[in-house]
């Protein structure tokens, strides 16, 4: 990498960085990150709050969310024509510091980086069914490659026996969460009304949490009609599933998993696909253990990514105001009202 270039960030550059990071996926749309902007360096911090003790008791998803934000931020730096070198958990004495990105001199971004940066604004969690058109095998291979990162394997869940295993475990998880009063209360707290006023903020829009039958056993309310295992298997067979597996199960692995997942997700969007992530079933130890054993995984499964062609894309969820996540550096460029 070229020598770190310590020129100040302009307001327009800061806005590009912020918007890219803030469009990353996060558990229950909590957006658990802060960005510190300094000349020649960017730092991503994990906020300890908000916590999700029932959904994410060990903070795995919160760390993975920050890893996804790092992936977007890295792409933004490259799109601005600067070199970037990322270090994850760079300071053992500062556990809240998720990543430090050293920014170098001018280096032109590749066409692939520019396309995937463009996918950031189009990426949204697809909770509706896909249209049933199979993703071609060469495309699946590209997504598996895009989801590879140090310490992370993106593994395709093969049709047939492996999909049947996942269907059985997702149904088990759905039935568990439907009767877990703490989980249901927490999900209710993080579900916000579908209103124009909620363009900014945190939480899951109510219209994005299925109240009727769902094609997969993800976010489930008490009234959600969970398909039986054969029906769930049939529906899952109409989409592509990737499982992200890490070598170990420490915070660094969780961050790496989120980083790798976002890279695969952006590659999917760039290829005309939609995707949605499942993590909550993997917080149940029986589900996680059975998935490892039955799919013969050589590591720890951190997330499942559903991928397919969507007849209608889900809209993005609301995001916090830019100044709520920025520390240091110039403020974002101010636009005239109505733009």
C-alpha atoms as a PDB file:
ATOM      1  CA  UNK A   1       0.000   0.000   0.000  1.00  0.00           C
ATOM      2  CA  UNK A   2       1.098   3.589  -0.628  1.00  0.00           C
ATOM      3  CA  UNK A   3       2.105   5.883   2.234  1.00  0.00           C
ATOM      4  CA  UNK A   4      -0.775   7.128   4.371  1.00  0.00           C
ATOM      5  CA  UNK A   5      -2.000  10.444   3.057  1.00  0.00           C
ATOM      6  CA  UNK A   6      -3.054  12.705   5.896  1.00  0.00           C
ATOM      7  CA  UNK A   7      -4.949  15.380   4.010  1.00  0.00           C
ATOM      8  CA  UNK A   8      -8.263  16.400   5.623  1.00  0.00           C
ATOM      9  CA  UNK A   9     -11.529  14.950   4.319  1.00  0.00           C
ATOM     10  CA  UNK A  10     -13.836  17.351   2.535  1.00  0.00           C
ATOM     11  CA  UNK A  11     -17.469  17.669   3.575  1.00  0.00           C
ATOM     12  CA  UNK A  12     -18.558  15.905   0.371  1.00  0.00           C
ATOM     13  CA  UNK A  13     -16.153  13.006   0.983  1.00  0.00           C
ATOM     14  CA  UNK A  14     -17.346  12.692   4.571  1.00  0.00           C
ATOM     15  CA  UNK A  15     -20.918  12.425   3.331  1.00  0.00           C
ATOM     16  CA  UNK A  16     -19.969   9.628   0.934  1.00  0.00           C
ATOM     17  CA  UNK A  17     -18.268   7.733   3.757  1.00  0.00           C
ATOM     18  CA  UNK A  18     -21.153   8.219   6.174  1.00  0.00           C
ATOM     19  CA  UNK A  19     -23.917   7.285   3.772  1.00  0.00           C
ATOM     20  CA  UNK A  20     -22.083   4.155   2.693  1.00  0.00           C
ATOM     21  CA  UNK A  21     -21.483   2.945   6.223  1.00  0.00           C
ATOM     22  CA  UNK A  22     -25.012   3.769   7.361  1.00  0.00           C
ATOM     23  CA  UNK A  23     -26.544   1.697   4.551  1.00  0.00           C
ATOM     24  CA  UNK A  24     -25.003  -1.507   5.960  1.00  0.00           C
ATOM     25  CA  UNK A  25     -27.370  -4.186   7.308  1.00  0.00           C
ATOM     26  CA  UNK A  26     -27.666  -4.482  11.069  1.00  0.00           C
ATOM     27  CA  UNK A  27     -29.451  -6.686  13.569  1.00  0.00           C
ATOM     28  CA  UNK A  28     -33.035  -5.401  14.057  1.00  0.00           C
ATOM     29  CA  UNK A  29     -31.836  -2.271  12.217  1.00  0.00           C
ATOM     30  CA  UNK A  30     -30.113  -1.080  15.408  1.00  0.00           C
ATOM     31  CA  UNK A  31     -27.165   0.459  13.478  1.00  0.00           C
ATOM     32  CA  UNK A  32     -24.690  -0.199  16.332  1.00  0.00           C
ATOM     33  CA  UNK A  33     -21.733   1.795  15.012  1.00  0.00           C
ATOM     34  CA  UNK A  34     -19.896   5.092  15.181  1.00  0.00           C
ATOM     35  CA  UNK A  35     -17.493   6.540  12.630  1.00  0.00           C
ATOM     36  CA  UNK A  36     -14.426   8.534  13.604  1.00  0.00           C
ATOM     37  CA  UNK A  37     -12.941  10.558  10.750  1.00  0.00           C
ATOM     38  CA  UNK A  38      -9.365  11.812  10.919  1.00  0.00           C
ATOM     39  CA  UNK A  39      -6.905  12.855   8.199  1.00  0.00           C
ATOM     40  CA  UNK A  40      -5.446   9.657   6.761  1.00  0.00           C
ATOM     41  CA  UNK A  41      -7.501   7.356   8.985  1.00  0.00           C
ATOM     42  CA  UNK A  42     -11.043   6.128   9.633  1.00  0.00           C
ATOM     43  CA  UNK A  43     -12.110   4.257  12.743  1.00  0.00           C
ATOM     44  CA  UNK A  44     -15.300   2.245  13.262  1.00  0.00           C
ATOM     45  CA  UNK A  45     -16.495   1.767  16.820  1.00  0.00           C
ATOM     46  CA  UNK A  46     -19.140  -0.580  18.160  1.00  0.00           C
ATOM     47  CA  UNK A  47     -21.739   0.923  20.447  1.00  0.00           C
ATOM     48  CA  UNK A  48     -22.505  -1.307  23.419  1.00  0.00           C
ATOM     49  CA  UNK A  49     -26.060  -0.041  23.288  1.00  0.00           C
ATOM     50  CA  UNK A  50     -28.586  -0.811  22.067  1.00  0.00           C
ATOM     51  CA  UNK A  51     -28.411  -4.377  23.317  1.00  0.00           C
ATOM     52  CA  UNK A  52     -30.714  -7.242  22.302  1.00  0.00           C
ATOM     53  CA  UNK A  53     -30.409  -9.687  25.203  1.00  0.00           C
ATOM     54  CA  UNK A  54     -33.033 -12.106  23.856  1.00  0.00           C
ATOM     55  CA  UNK A  55     -32.174 -12.055  20.162  1.00  0.00           C
ATOM     56  CA  UNK A  56     -28.413 -11.495  20.399  1.00  0.00           C
ATOM     57  CA  UNK A  57     -27.335 -12.483  23.929  1.00  0.00           C
ATOM     58  CA  UNK A  58     -23.617 -12.715  23.123  1.00  0.00           C
ATOM     59  CA  UNK A  59     -23.393  -9.698  20.821  1.00  0.00           C
ATOM     60  CA  UNK A  60     -22.450 -11.791  17.781  1.00  0.00           C
ATOM     61  CA  UNK A  61     -24.902 -10.068  15.462  1.00  0.00           C
ATOM     62  CA  UNK A  62     -23.935  -6.625  16.742  1.00  0.00           C
ATOM     63  CA  UNK A  63     -20.287  -7.327  15.918  1.00  0.00           C
ATOM     64  CA  UNK A  64     -21.239  -8.768  12.522  1.00  0.00           C
ATOM     65  CA  UNK A  65     -23.276  -5.632  11.803  1.00  0.00           C
ATOM     66  CA  UNK A  66     -20.173  -3.537  12.421  1.00  0.00           C
ATOM     67  CA  UNK A  67     -18.201  -5.848  10.118  1.00  0.00           C
ATOM     68  CA  UNK A  68     -20.741  -5.185   7.357  1.00  0.00           C
ATOM     69  CA  UNK A  69     -20.341  -1.442   7.945  1.00  0.00           C
ATOM     70  CA  UNK A  70     -16.562  -1.808   7.565  1.00  0.00           C
ATOM     71  CA  UNK A  71     -17.051  -3.545   4.199  1.00  0.00           C
ATOM     72  CA  UNK A  72     -19.167  -0.631   2.938  1.00  0.00           C
ATOM     73  CA  UNK A  73     -16.777   1.975   4.292  1.00  0.00           C
ATOM     74  CA  UNK A  74     -13.815   0.287   2.651  1.00  0.00           C
ATOM     75  CA  UNK A  75     -15.653   0.340  -0.691  1.00  0.00           C
ATOM     76  CA  UNK A  76     -16.457   4.027  -0.237  1.00  0.00           C
ATOM     77  CA  UNK A  77     -12.781   4.866   0.329  1.00  0.00           C
ATOM     78  CA  UNK A  78     -11.826   2.971  -2.799  1.00  0.00           C
ATOM     79  CA  UNK A  79     -14.568   4.684  -4.805  1.00  0.00           C
ATOM     80  CA  UNK A  80     -13.173   8.035  -3.716  1.00  0.00           C
ATOM     81  CA  UNK A  81      -9.954   6.954  -5.412  1.00  0.00           C
ATOM     82  CA  UNK A  82      -7.882   6.342  -2.283  1.00  0.00           C
ATOM     83  CA  UNK A  83      -5.953   3.280  -1.178  1.00  0.00           C
ATOM     84  CA  UNK A  84      -7.297   1.535   1.929  1.00  0.00           C
ATOM     85  CA  UNK A  85      -5.744  -0.907   4.373  1.00  0.00           C
ATOM     86  CA  UNK A  86      -8.106  -2.297   7.006  1.00  0.00           C
ATOM     87  CA  UNK A  87      -7.124  -3.729  10.394  1.00  0.00           C
ATOM     88  CA  UNK A  88      -9.861  -5.433  12.429  1.00  0.00           C
ATOM     89  CA  UNK A  89      -9.759  -5.208  16.256  1.00  0.00           C
ATOM     90  CA  UNK A  90      -6.415  -3.382  15.983  1.00  0.00           C
ATOM     91  CA  UNK A  91      -6.044  -2.450  19.668  1.00  0.00           C
ATOM     92  CA  UNK A  92      -6.390  -5.071  22.406  1.00  0.00           C
ATOM     93  CA  UNK A  93      -6.703  -2.293  24.990  1.00  0.00           C
ATOM     94  CA  UNK A  94      -9.628  -0.724  23.137  1.00  0.00           C
ATOM     95  CA  UNK A  95     -12.175  -3.533  22.513  1.00  0.00           C
ATOM     96  CA  UNK A  96     -14.795  -1.086  21.246  1.00  0.00           C
ATOM     97  CA  UNK A  97     -12.585  -0.205  18.289  1.00  0.00           C
ATOM     98  CA  UNK A  98     -13.814  -2.556  15.545  1.00  0.00           C
ATOM     99  CA  UNK A  99     -11.597  -1.416  12.685  1.00  0.00           C
ATOM    100  CA  UNK A 100      -8.985   1.089  11.656  1.00  0.00           C
ATOM    101  CA  UNK A 101      -8.742   1.936   7.952  1.00  0.00           C
ATOM    102  CA  UNK A 102      -5.468   3.563   6.979  1.00  0.00           C
ATOM    103  CA  UNK A 103      -6.087   5.723   3.910  1.00  0.00           C
ATOM    104  CA  UNK A 104      -3.342   6.136   1.350  1.00  0.00           C
ATOM    105  CA  UNK A 105      -2.802   8.125  -1.810  1.00  0.00           C
ATOM    106  CA  UNK A 106      -4.688   8.117  -5.055  1.00  0.00           C
ATOM    107  CA  UNK A 107      -5.425   4.691  -6.566  1.00  0.00           C
ATOM    108  CA  UNK A 108      -8.150   4.280  -9.163  1.00  0.00           C
ATOM    109  CA  UNK A 109     -10.997   1.947  -8.117  1.00  0.00           C
ATOM    110  CA  UNK A 110     -11.631  -1.158 -10.201  1.00  0.00           C
ATOM    111  CA  UNK A 111     -14.845  -1.516 -12.246  1.00  0.00           C
ATOM    112  CA  UNK A 112     -15.989  -4.225  -9.823  1.00  0.00           C
ATOM    113  CA  UNK A 113     -15.468  -1.934  -6.818  1.00  0.00           C
ATOM    114  CA  UNK A 114     -17.451   0.825  -8.514  1.00  0.00           C
ATOM    115  CA  UNK A 115     -20.330  -1.545  -9.316  1.00  0.00           C
ATOM    116  CA  UNK A 116     -20.471  -2.939  -5.798  1.00  0.00           C
ATOM    117  CA  UNK A 117     -20.315   0.529  -4.322  1.00  0.00           C
ATOM    118  CA  UNK A 118     -23.326   1.367  -6.479  1.00  0.00           C
ATOM    119  CA  UNK A 119     -25.112  -1.676  -5.048  1.00  0.00           C
ATOM    120  CA  UNK A 120     -24.916  -0.276  -1.494  1.00  0.00           C
ATOM    121  CA  UNK A 121     -27.836   2.113  -2.048  1.00  0.00           C
ATOM    122  CA  UNK A 122     -29.945  -0.638  -3.676  1.00  0.00           C
ATOM    123  CA  UNK A 123     -29.339  -3.300  -1.044  1.00  0.00           C
ATOM    124  CA  UNK A 124     -32.285  -4.042   1.255  1.00  0.00           C
ATOM    125  CA  UNK A 125     -33.360  -7.021   3.352  1.00  0.00           C
ATOM    126  CA  UNK A 126     -35.709  -9.153   1.266  1.00  0.00           C
ATOM    127  CA  UNK A 127     -38.256 -10.706   3.598  1.00  0.00           C
ATOM    128  CA  UNK A 128     -40.877 -11.399   0.939  1.00  0.00           C
ATOM    129  CA  UNK A 129     -40.786 -14.582  -1.177  1.00  0.00           C
ATOM    130  CA  UNK A 130     -38.581 -14.753  -4.245  1.00  0.00           C
ATOM    131  CA  UNK A 131     -40.095 -15.457  -7.661  1.00  0.00           C
ATOM    132  CA  UNK A 132     -38.948 -19.094  -7.760  1.00  0.00           C
ATOM    133  CA  UNK A 133     -36.447 -18.726 -10.626  1.00  0.00           C
ATOM    134  CA  UNK A 134     -33.302 -20.688  -9.810  1.00  0.00           C
ATOM    135  CA  UNK A 135     -30.017 -18.811  -9.529  1.00  0.00           C
ATOM    136  CA  UNK A 136     -27.662 -20.237 -12.196  1.00  0.00           C
ATOM    137  CA  UNK A 137     -24.741 -22.278 -10.888  1.00  0.00           C
ATOM    138  CA  UNK A 138     -22.058 -19.916 -12.310  1.00  0.00           C
ATOM    139  CA  UNK A 139     -23.707 -17.031 -10.445  1.00  0.00           C
ATOM    140  CA  UNK A 140     -23.770 -19.048  -7.218  1.00  0.00           C
ATOM    141  CA  UNK A 141     -20.031 -19.686  -7.644  1.00  0.00           C
ATOM    142  CA  UNK A 142     -19.425 -15.941  -8.013  1.00  0.00           C
ATOM    143  CA  UNK A 143     -21.350 -15.251  -4.805  1.00  0.00           C
ATOM    144  CA  UNK A 144     -19.428 -17.930  -2.906  1.00  0.00           C
ATOM    145  CA  UNK A 145     -16.169 -16.385  -4.089  1.00  0.00           C
ATOM    146  CA  UNK A 146     -17.339 -12.867  -3.143  1.00  0.00           C
ATOM    147  CA  UNK A 147     -18.224 -14.089   0.360  1.00  0.00           C
ATOM    148  CA  UNK A 148     -14.783 -15.470   1.041  1.00  0.00           C
ATOM    149  CA  UNK A 149     -12.606 -13.519   3.476  1.00  0.00           C
ATOM    150  CA  UNK A 150      -9.752 -14.317   5.878  1.00  0.00           C
ATOM    151  CA  UNK A 151     -11.124 -16.802   8.387  1.00  0.00           C
ATOM    152  CA  UNK A 152     -14.545 -17.058   6.680  1.00  0.00           C
ATOM    153  CA  UNK A 153     -16.002 -19.575   4.243  1.00  0.00           C
ATOM    154  CA  UNK A 154     -19.197 -18.890   2.308  1.00  0.00           C
ATOM    155  CA  UNK A 155     -20.686 -22.353   1.811  1.00  0.00           C
ATOM    156  CA  UNK A 156     -23.531 -23.135  -0.606  1.00  0.00           C
ATOM    157  CA  UNK A 157     -26.292 -25.176   1.047  1.00  0.00           C
ATOM    158  CA  UNK A 158     -26.915 -27.834  -1.571  1.00  0.00           C
ATOM    159  CA  UNK A 159     -30.446 -28.725  -2.729  1.00  0.00           C
ATOM    160  CA  UNK A 160     -31.933 -31.933  -1.422  1.00  0.00           C
ATOM    161  CA  UNK A 161     -30.756 -33.318   1.899  1.00  0.00           C
ATOM    162  CA  UNK A 162     -28.979 -30.147   3.067  1.00  0.00           C
ATOM    163  CA  UNK A 163     -31.955 -27.890   2.334  1.00  0.00           C
ATOM    164  CA  UNK A 164     -34.164 -30.405   4.172  1.00  0.00           C
ATOM    165  CA  UNK A 165     -31.876 -30.127   7.215  1.00  0.00           C
ATOM    166  CA  UNK A 166     -32.115 -26.332   7.188  1.00  0.00           C
ATOM    167  CA  UNK A 167     -35.919 -26.444   6.803  1.00  0.00           C
ATOM    168  CA  UNK A 168     -36.265 -28.729   9.825  1.00  0.00           C
ATOM    169  CA  UNK A 169     -34.020 -26.546  11.977  1.00  0.00           C
ATOM    170  CA  UNK A 170     -35.693 -23.286  10.934  1.00  0.00           C
ATOM    171  CA  UNK A 171     -39.101 -24.664  11.851  1.00  0.00           C
ATOM    172  CA  UNK A 172     -37.751 -25.752  15.234  1.00  0.00           C
ATOM    173  CA  UNK A 173     -36.343 -22.246  15.794  1.00  0.00           C
ATOM    174  CA  UNK A 174     -39.581 -20.548  14.730  1.00  0.00           C
ATOM    175  CA  UNK A 175     -41.643 -22.591  17.165  1.00  0.00           C
ATOM    176  CA  UNK A 176     -39.181 -21.745  19.933  1.00  0.00           C
ATOM    177  CA  UNK A 177     -39.241 -18.002  19.290  1.00  0.00           C
ATOM    178  CA  UNK A 178     -43.036 -17.918  19.029  1.00  0.00           C
ATOM    179  CA  UNK A 179     -43.303 -19.113  22.628  1.00  0.00           C
ATOM    180  CA  UNK A 180     -40.393 -17.056  23.984  1.00  0.00           C
ATOM    181  CA  UNK A 181     -42.085 -14.114  25.714  1.00  0.00           C
ATOM    182  CA  UNK A 182     -38.801 -12.210  26.127  1.00  0.00           C
ATOM    183  CA  UNK A 183     -37.994 -12.500  22.439  1.00  0.00           C
ATOM    184  CA  UNK A 184     -41.526 -11.463  21.441  1.00  0.00           C
ATOM    185  CA  UNK A 185     -41.415  -8.441  23.742  1.00  0.00           C
ATOM    186  CA  UNK A 186     -38.025  -7.407  22.363  1.00  0.00           C
ATOM    187  CA  UNK A 187     -39.196  -7.815  18.756  1.00  0.00           C
ATOM    188  CA  UNK A 188     -42.233  -5.665  19.536  1.00  0.00           C
ATOM    189  CA  UNK A 189     -40.037  -2.939  21.043  1.00  0.00           C
ATOM    190  CA  UNK A 190     -37.895  -2.795  17.902  1.00  0.00           C
ATOM    191  CA  UNK A 191     -40.843  -2.830  15.479  1.00  0.00           C
ATOM    192  CA  UNK A 192     -41.858   0.675  14.411  1.00  0.00           C
ATOM    193  CA  UNK A 193     -44.979   1.922  12.657  1.00  0.00           C
ATOM    194  CA  UNK A 194     -44.924   2.401   8.893  1.00  0.00           C
ATOM    195  CA  UNK A 195     -45.041   6.176   8.731  1.00  0.00           C
ATOM    196  CA  UNK A 196     -43.447   8.821   6.530  1.00  0.00           C
ATOM    197  CA  UNK A 197     -42.009  10.345   9.717  1.00  0.00           C
ATOM    198  CA  UNK A 198     -39.928   7.207  10.239  1.00  0.00           C
ATOM    199  CA  UNK A 199     -37.552   7.874   7.369  1.00  0.00           C
ATOM    200  CA  UNK A 200     -34.913   8.436  10.046  1.00  0.00           C
ATOM    201  CA  UNK A 201     -34.212   6.366  13.125  1.00  0.00           C
ATOM    202  CA  UNK A 202     -33.778   2.728  14.060  1.00  0.00           C
ATOM    203  CA  UNK A 203     -35.974  -0.355  14.203  1.00  0.00           C
ATOM    204  CA  UNK A 204     -37.828  -2.655  11.804  1.00  0.00           C
ATOM    205  CA  UNK A 205     -40.828  -1.193   9.946  1.00  0.00           C
ATOM    206  CA  UNK A 206     -43.951  -3.130  10.942  1.00  0.00           C
ATOM    207  CA  UNK A 207     -44.768  -3.909   7.336  1.00  0.00           C
ATOM    208  CA  UNK A 208     -41.485  -5.797   7.027  1.00  0.00           C
ATOM    209  CA  UNK A 209     -42.297  -8.300   9.805  1.00  0.00           C
ATOM    210  CA  UNK A 210     -44.584 -10.956   8.287  1.00  0.00           C
ATOM    211  CA  UNK A 211     -47.741 -11.457  10.324  1.00  0.00           C
ATOM    212  CA  UNK A 212     -49.120 -14.266   8.151  1.00  0.00           C
ATOM    213  CA  UNK A 213     -47.491 -17.277   6.550  1.00  0.00           C
ATOM    214  CA  UNK A 214     -43.829 -16.765   5.719  1.00  0.00           C
ATOM    215  CA  UNK A 215     -41.622 -18.517   3.149  1.00  0.00           C
ATOM    216  CA  UNK A 216     -38.951 -19.130   5.770  1.00  0.00           C
ATOM    217  CA  UNK A 217     -38.773 -19.224   9.564  1.00  0.00           C
ATOM    218  CA  UNK A 218     -37.099 -15.904  10.275  1.00  0.00           C
ATOM    219  CA  UNK A 219     -38.671 -13.103  12.321  1.00  0.00           C
ATOM    220  CA  UNK A 220     -41.809 -14.651  13.748  1.00  0.00           C
ATOM    221  CA  UNK A 221     -44.563 -13.121  15.821  1.00  0.00           C
ATOM    222  CA  UNK A 222     -46.975 -15.121  17.942  1.00  0.00           C
ATOM    223  CA  UNK A 223     -49.586 -14.973  15.178  1.00  0.00           C
ATOM    224  CA  UNK A 224     -47.229 -15.928  12.356  1.00  0.00           C
ATOM    225  CA  UNK A 225     -48.303 -19.080  10.554  1.00  0.00           C
ATOM    226  CA  UNK A 226     -45.149 -21.180  10.289  1.00  0.00           C
ATOM    227  CA  UNK A 227     -45.232 -23.678   7.407  1.00  0.00           C
ATOM    228  CA  UNK A 228     -44.763 -27.351   8.229  1.00  0.00           C
ATOM    229  CA  UNK A 229     -41.367 -28.810   7.435  1.00  0.00           C
ATOM    230  CA  UNK A 230     -42.177 -30.260   3.958  1.00  0.00           C
ATOM    231  CA  UNK A 231     -43.745 -26.961   2.846  1.00  0.00           C
ATOM    232  CA  UNK A 232     -40.867 -24.943   4.257  1.00  0.00           C
ATOM    233  CA  UNK A 233     -38.435 -27.255   2.466  1.00  0.00           C
ATOM    234  CA  UNK A 234     -40.326 -26.751  -0.796  1.00  0.00           C
ATOM    235  CA  UNK A 235     -40.149 -22.974  -0.448  1.00  0.00           C
ATOM    236  CA  UNK A 236     -36.469 -22.960   0.494  1.00  0.00           C
ATOM    237  CA  UNK A 237     -35.722 -25.162  -2.509  1.00  0.00           C
ATOM    238  CA  UNK A 238     -36.813 -22.250  -4.716  1.00  0.00           C
ATOM    239  CA  UNK A 239     -34.007 -20.006  -3.497  1.00  0.00           C
ATOM    240  CA  UNK A 240     -30.260 -20.159  -2.946  1.00  0.00           C
ATOM    241  CA  UNK A 241     -28.858 -20.423   0.570  1.00  0.00           C
ATOM    242  CA  UNK A 242     -25.333 -19.585   1.670  1.00  0.00           C
ATOM    243  CA  UNK A 243     -24.048 -20.300   5.170  1.00  0.00           C
ATOM    244  CA  UNK A 244     -21.114 -18.266   6.503  1.00  0.00           C
ATOM    245  CA  UNK A 245     -18.728 -20.331   8.602  1.00  0.00           C
ATOM    246  CA  UNK A 246     -15.826 -19.036  10.683  1.00  0.00           C
ATOM    247  CA  UNK A 247     -12.785 -20.856  11.988  1.00  0.00           C
ATOM    248  CA  UNK A 248     -13.399 -19.754  15.577  1.00  0.00           C
ATOM    249  CA  UNK A 249     -16.217 -18.044  17.495  1.00  0.00           C
ATOM    250  CA  UNK A 250     -14.518 -14.978  18.959  1.00  0.00           C
ATOM    251  CA  UNK A 251     -15.463 -11.311  18.342  1.00  0.00           C
ATOM    252  CA  UNK A 252     -12.950 -11.091  15.491  1.00  0.00           C
ATOM    253  CA  UNK A 253     -14.716 -13.991  13.769  1.00  0.00           C
ATOM    254  CA  UNK A 254     -18.108 -12.309  14.152  1.00  0.00           C
ATOM    255  CA  UNK A 255     -16.772  -9.106  12.587  1.00  0.00           C
ATOM    256  CA  UNK A 256     -15.186 -11.066   9.752  1.00  0.00           C
ATOM    257  CA  UNK A 257     -18.459 -12.909   9.130  1.00  0.00           C
ATOM    258  CA  UNK A 258     -20.385  -9.646   8.786  1.00  0.00           C
ATOM    259  CA  UNK A 259     -17.716  -8.250   6.479  1.00  0.00           C
ATOM    260  CA  UNK A 260     -17.829 -11.333   4.247  1.00  0.00           C
ATOM    261  CA  UNK A 261     -21.622 -11.492   4.244  1.00  0.00           C
ATOM    262  CA  UNK A 262     -21.956  -7.883   3.093  1.00  0.00           C
ATOM    263  CA  UNK A 263     -19.457  -8.440   0.289  1.00  0.00           C
ATOM    264  CA  UNK A 264     -21.493 -11.415  -0.946  1.00  0.00           C
ATOM    265  CA  UNK A 265     -24.739  -9.457  -0.559  1.00  0.00           C
ATOM    266  CA  UNK A 266     -23.449  -6.524  -2.627  1.00  0.00           C
ATOM    267  CA  UNK A 267     -22.199  -8.936  -5.276  1.00  0.00           C
ATOM    268  CA  UNK A 268     -25.703 -10.438  -5.405  1.00  0.00           C
ATOM    269  CA  UNK A 269     -27.333  -7.020  -5.836  1.00  0.00           C
ATOM    270  CA  UNK A 270     -24.799  -6.150  -8.542  1.00  0.00           C
ATOM    271  CA  UNK A 271     -25.880  -9.322 -10.378  1.00  0.00           C
ATOM    272  CA  UNK A 272     -29.570  -8.399 -10.248  1.00  0.00           C
ATOM    273  CA  UNK A 273     -30.464 -10.496  -7.192  1.00  0.00           C
ATOM    274  CA  UNK A 274     -32.036  -9.762  -3.829  1.00  0.00           C
ATOM    275  CA  UNK A 275     -31.137 -11.289  -0.478  1.00  0.00           C
ATOM    276  CA  UNK A 276     -32.120 -11.532   3.151  1.00  0.00           C
ATOM    277  CA  UNK A 277     -30.105 -12.671   6.147  1.00  0.00           C
ATOM    278  CA  UNK A 278     -31.045 -15.099   8.923  1.00  0.00           C
ATOM    279  CA  UNK A 279     -29.099 -15.151  12.178  1.00  0.00           C
ATOM    280  CA  UNK A 280     -31.629 -15.565  14.972  1.00  0.00           C
ATOM    281  CA  UNK A 281     -32.033 -19.372  14.579  1.00  0.00           C
ATOM    282  CA  UNK A 282     -28.268 -19.781  15.023  1.00  0.00           C
ATOM    283  CA  UNK A 283     -28.474 -18.299  18.521  1.00  0.00           C
ATOM    284  CA  UNK A 284     -30.174 -21.531  19.613  1.00  0.00           C
ATOM    285  CA  UNK A 285     -27.400 -23.965  20.477  1.00  0.00           C
ATOM    286  CA  UNK A 286     -29.336 -27.078  19.349  1.00  0.00           C
ATOM    287  CA  UNK A 287     -29.849 -25.472  15.927  1.00  0.00           C
ATOM    288  CA  UNK A 288     -26.239 -24.388  15.610  1.00  0.00           C
ATOM    289  CA  UNK A 289     -24.874 -27.767  16.692  1.00  0.00           C
ATOM    290  CA  UNK A 290     -27.203 -29.737  14.408  1.00  0.00           C
ATOM    291  CA  UNK A 291     -26.334 -27.504  11.455  1.00  0.00           C
ATOM    292  CA  UNK A 292     -22.615 -28.131  12.038  1.00  0.00           C
ATOM    293  CA  UNK A 293     -23.094 -31.877  12.333  1.00  0.00           C
ATOM    294  CA  UNK A 294     -25.634 -32.469   9.563  1.00  0.00           C
ATOM    295  CA  UNK A 295     -23.959 -30.182   7.017  1.00  0.00           C
ATOM    296  CA  UNK A 296     -20.477 -31.331   8.112  1.00  0.00           C
ATOM    297  CA  UNK A 297     -19.285 -27.774   8.650  1.00  0.00           C
ATOM    298  CA  UNK A 298     -15.673 -27.326   9.731  1.00  0.00           C
ATOM    299  CA  UNK A 299     -16.246 -24.297  11.917  1.00  0.00           C
ATOM    300  CA  UNK A 300     -18.941 -22.112  13.429  1.00  0.00           C
ATOM    301  CA  UNK A 301     -21.994 -21.060  11.372  1.00  0.00           C
ATOM    302  CA  UNK A 302     -22.659 -17.344  11.867  1.00  0.00           C
ATOM    303  CA  UNK A 303     -25.391 -16.494   9.337  1.00  0.00           C
ATOM    304  CA  UNK A 304     -27.567 -17.792   6.523  1.00  0.00           C
ATOM    305  CA  UNK A 305     -28.103 -15.653   3.430  1.00  0.00           C
ATOM    306  CA  UNK A 306     -31.212 -16.285   1.287  1.00  0.00           C
ATOM    307  CA  UNK A 307     -30.655 -15.218  -2.326  1.00  0.00           C
ATOM    308  CA  UNK A 308     -32.965 -15.112  -5.319  1.00  0.00           C
ATOM    309  CA  UNK A 309     -34.762 -13.014  -7.895  1.00  0.00           C
ATOM    310  CA  UNK A 310     -37.382 -10.713  -6.414  1.00  0.00           C
ATOM    311  CA  UNK A 311     -40.527  -9.726  -8.285  1.00  0.00           C
ATOM    312  CA  UNK A 312     -40.657  -6.581  -6.170  1.00  0.00           C
ATOM    313  CA  UNK A 313     -37.784  -5.238  -4.088  1.00  0.00           C
ATOM    314  CA  UNK A 314     -38.404  -4.308  -0.469  1.00  0.00           C
ATOM    315  CA  UNK A 315     -37.710  -0.639   0.333  1.00  0.00           C
ATOM    316  CA  UNK A 316     -34.738   0.256   2.552  1.00  0.00           C
ATOM    317  CA  UNK A 317     -35.322   0.576   6.285  1.00  0.00           C
ATOM    318  CA  UNK A 318     -34.907   3.975   7.999  1.00  0.00           C
ATOM    319  CA  UNK A 319     -31.489   5.148   9.117  1.00  0.00           C
ATOM    320  CA  UNK A 320     -30.168   7.444  11.842  1.00  0.00           C
ATOM    321  CA  UNK A 321     -29.201  11.029  11.123  1.00  0.00           C
ATOM    322  CA  UNK A 322     -25.631  11.401   9.888  1.00  0.00           C
ATOM    323  CA  UNK A 323     -24.476  13.492  12.844  1.00  0.00           C
ATOM    324  CA  UNK A 324     -25.609  10.719  15.221  1.00  0.00           C
ATOM    325  CA  UNK A 325     -22.849   8.416  14.009  1.00  0.00           C
ATOM    326  CA  UNK A 326     -20.052  10.829  13.095  1.00  0.00           C
ATOM    327  CA  UNK A 327     -17.128  11.813  15.293  1.00  0.00           C
ATOM    328  CA  UNK A 328     -14.480  14.230  14.045  1.00  0.00           C
ATOM    329  CA  UNK A 329     -13.984  15.518  10.541  1.00  0.00           C
ATOM    330  CA  UNK A 330     -16.129  18.063   8.698  1.00  0.00           C
ATOM    331  CA  UNK A 331     -19.875  17.747   8.706  1.00  0.00           C
ATOM    332  CA  UNK A 332     -21.588  16.321   5.635  1.00  0.00           C
ATOM    333  CA  UNK A 333     -22.282  18.639   2.748  1.00  0.00           C
ATOM    334  CA  UNK A 334     -25.542  20.537   3.274  1.00  0.00           C
ATOM    335  CA  UNK A 335     -28.151  20.202   0.531  1.00  0.00           C
ATOM    336  CA  UNK A 336     -30.920  22.705  -0.202  1.00  0.00           C
ATOM    337  CA  UNK A 337     -34.347  21.718   1.174  1.00  0.00           C
ATOM    338  CA  UNK A 338     -36.350  19.374  -1.021  1.00  0.00           C
ATOM    339  CA  UNK A 339     -33.403  17.604  -2.630  1.00  0.00           C
END
